[in-house]
């Protein structure tokens, strides 16, 4: 039998990935508190007179509205744009802009 000497590494520390017992106790309390909060929220939702929104039947006593209250999908909104320029108005605008550019260059 051969004996091999190993160097002394000092006291062993627990691995970093293993939770310590004190941390587990805090996590258990946090879990219990969150479950109690969820239970309270569920009870508060059931305490109303209307019930849960997803489980109630749809309302059938909705009043009827006039046809022109809501726009239909196919209509276009009224445009606030000016009508297109005539060729004469476009020519006048172009001359005015050219004259303005010449005066700004000076």
Foldseek 3Di string as FASTA:
>chain_A
DDDDDDDDPPDDDDDPVDDDPVVVVVVVVVVVVVVVVVVVVVVVQCPDPQHHPVPDDDDDPDDDDDPPPDDDPPDDDDDPDDDDDDPVRVVVVVVVVVVVVVVVVD
